[in-house]
Protein backbone atom coordinates (compact mmCIF):
# COMPACT_ATOMS: atom_id res chain seq x y z
CA MET A 1 0.00 0.00 0.00
CA HIS A 2 1.22 3.48 -0.89
CA ILE A 3 -0.26 6.38 1.08
CA PHE A 4 -0.30 9.97 -0.12
CA ILE A 5 -1.13 12.45 2.66
CA GLY A 6 -1.44 16.22 2.70
CA GLY A 7 -3.66 19.10 3.64
CA ALA A 8 -6.91 20.03 1.94
CA HIS A 9 -6.45 21.36 -1.60
CA ASN A 10 -2.70 20.59 -1.60
CA GLY A 11 -2.72 18.74 -4.95
CA LYS A 12 -2.89 15.13 -3.70
CA ARG A 13 -5.40 13.81 -6.25
CA GLU A 14 -3.76 15.55 -9.19
CA PHE A 15 -0.35 14.25 -8.08
CA VAL A 16 -1.69 10.68 -7.79
CA ARG A 17 -3.38 10.86 -11.22
CA ASN A 18 -0.06 11.89 -12.77
CA TRP A 19 1.91 9.35 -10.70
CA LEU A 20 -0.18 6.32 -11.73
CA LYS A 21 1.46 4.65 -14.72
CA GLU A 22 -1.84 3.39 -16.18
CA PRO A 23 -4.57 5.51 -14.57
CA ASP A 24 -7.42 3.86 -16.50
CA LYS A 25 -6.88 0.46 -14.84
CA TRP A 26 -7.31 1.88 -11.32
CA ALA A 27 -10.73 1.86 -9.60
CA TRP A 28 -11.28 4.98 -7.50
CA VAL A 29 -13.20 4.17 -4.31
CA GLY A 30 -14.80 6.66 -1.94
CA PRO A 31 -17.47 9.37 -1.70
CA GLY A 32 -18.03 10.97 -5.09
CA HIS A 33 -16.52 8.04 -7.03
CA ALA A 34 -18.11 5.10 -8.86
CA TRP A 35 -17.31 2.77 -5.96
CA ASP A 36 -18.34 3.46 -2.37
CA LEU A 37 -16.12 2.47 0.55
CA GLU A 38 -19.01 0.42 1.96
CA ARG A 39 -18.66 -1.88 -1.07
CA LEU A 40 -14.86 -1.95 -1.08
CA ALA A 41 -14.63 -5.76 -0.97
CA GLN A 42 -16.79 -5.97 -4.13
CA VAL A 43 -14.50 -3.84 -6.30
CA ASP A 44 -13.46 -6.10 -9.16
CA SER A 45 -10.21 -4.31 -10.02
CA LYS A 46 -6.84 -5.47 -8.67
CA PHE A 47 -5.78 -1.81 -8.54
CA ILE A 48 -7.66 0.58 -6.25
CA VAL A 49 -7.31 4.16 -5.08
CA LEU A 50 -9.03 4.85 -1.75
CA ASP A 51 -10.03 8.49 -1.55
CA ARG A 52 -11.88 10.73 0.91
CA ILE A 53 -11.71 8.25 3.79
CA GLU A 54 -12.38 11.09 6.23
CA GLU A 55 -15.73 11.87 4.56
CA TRP A 56 -16.69 8.20 4.63
CA LEU A 57 -15.66 7.84 8.29
CA GLU A 58 -17.71 10.93 9.20
CA SER A 59 -20.89 9.44 7.70
CA SER A 60 -20.17 5.87 8.83
CA GLU A 61 -21.41 4.27 12.02
CA MET A 62 -18.09 2.41 12.37
CA ASP A 63 -15.50 3.35 14.92
CA GLU A 64 -11.94 3.67 13.66
CA THR A 65 -11.01 0.10 14.71
CA ASP A 66 -13.86 -1.40 12.67
CA ALA A 67 -13.10 1.00 9.81
CA LEU A 68 -9.49 -0.20 9.72
CA ALA A 69 -10.59 -3.86 9.63
CA HIS A 70 -13.10 -3.07 6.84
CA ILE A 71 -10.46 -1.25 4.78
CA MET A 72 -7.77 -3.91 5.30
CA ARG A 73 -10.20 -6.71 4.26
CA GLY A 74 -11.21 -4.78 1.17
CA MET A 75 -7.59 -4.18 0.13
CA GLU A 76 -6.62 -7.84 0.45
CA GLY A 77 -4.94 -9.07 -2.74
CA LYS A 78 -5.09 -5.63 -4.37
CA GLU A 79 -2.46 -3.06 -5.17
CA THR A 80 -3.68 -0.03 -3.25
CA VAL A 81 -3.06 3.70 -3.20
CA VAL A 82 -4.65 5.64 -0.34
CA ILE A 83 -5.17 9.42 -0.38
CA LEU A 84 -5.51 10.92 3.11
CA THR A 85 -6.37 14.50 4.03
CA ASP A 86 -4.39 15.62 7.08
CA LEU A 87 -6.94 17.01 9.53
CA GLY A 88 -4.55 17.29 12.47
CA ARG A 89 -2.81 20.53 11.59
CA GLY A 90 -4.22 23.94 12.24
CA ILE A 91 -7.00 25.12 14.48
CA VAL A 92 -8.72 22.60 16.76
CA PRO A 93 -12.41 22.54 15.75
CA VAL A 94 -14.85 24.18 18.18
CA ASP A 95 -17.58 21.69 17.30
CA PRO A 96 -17.24 18.54 19.48
CA GLU A 97 -18.29 16.25 16.60
CA GLN A 98 -15.60 17.72 14.33
CA ARG A 99 -13.01 17.27 17.10
CA LYS A 100 -14.12 13.66 17.50
CA LEU A 101 -13.79 13.10 13.73
CA ARG A 102 -10.30 14.62 13.75
CA ASP A 103 -9.29 12.26 16.57
CA ARG A 104 -10.84 9.21 14.86
CA CYS A 105 -9.07 10.04 11.60
CA GLY A 106 -5.79 10.56 13.44
CA ARG A 107 -5.94 7.09 14.98
CA LEU A 108 -7.06 5.44 11.72
CA TYR A 109 -4.32 7.22 9.75
CA GLN A 110 -1.65 6.08 12.25
CA TRP A 111 -2.72 2.46 11.82
CA LEU A 112 -2.87 2.72 8.01
CA ILE A 113 0.55 4.39 7.87
CA ALA A 114 2.03 1.67 10.10
CA GLU A 115 0.80 -0.93 7.56
CA ALA A 116 1.89 1.04 4.47
CA ASP A 117 4.92 0.15 2.38
CA GLU A 118 5.35 3.74 1.27
CA VAL A 119 4.11 7.11 2.54
CA THR A 120 4.45 10.32 0.55
CA ARG A 121 3.49 13.77 1.81
CA ILE A 122 2.10 16.14 -0.81
CA TRP A 123 2.58 19.78 0.04
CA TYR A 124 1.16 22.10 -2.62
CA GLY A 125 2.05 19.65 -5.38
CA LEU A 126 5.53 18.83 -4.05
CA ALA A 127 6.21 15.26 -2.94
CA GLN A 128 8.29 14.25 0.07
CA THR A 129 8.91 10.58 0.89
CA LEU A 130 8.25 9.90 4.58
CA LYS A 131 8.47 6.10 4.53
CA LYS A 132 9.74 3.50 2.09
CA ARG A 133 10.17 -0.21 2.87
CA GLY A 134 12.75 -2.37 1.14
């Protein structure tokens, strides 16, 4: 799994589209895409891009532990790219529900990053490798 993480509107999706060698063979999964994260295990492509996990987690009834298990099961046997929006920088939300979401995402992201083979930070279109196995 390769994770791309960065702030909102920092060029993550555009960077990933350009980075993918054969973008047409990748199934994009997440809110606003053809495949929903709820149906992740049913995606018939061996190549998936998970996008907008934070939006899915916000609308999901799952806690972050169940969300991680759901995501890991759905990625089994697939080459996976994950795009994460960093919610942990900046102002702490006043709204308790938004604070809770930020905390849930933070824990989920830590677990995903621990499992990842590669992690790349995208900062206004610039890439910085944070982790690379092997």
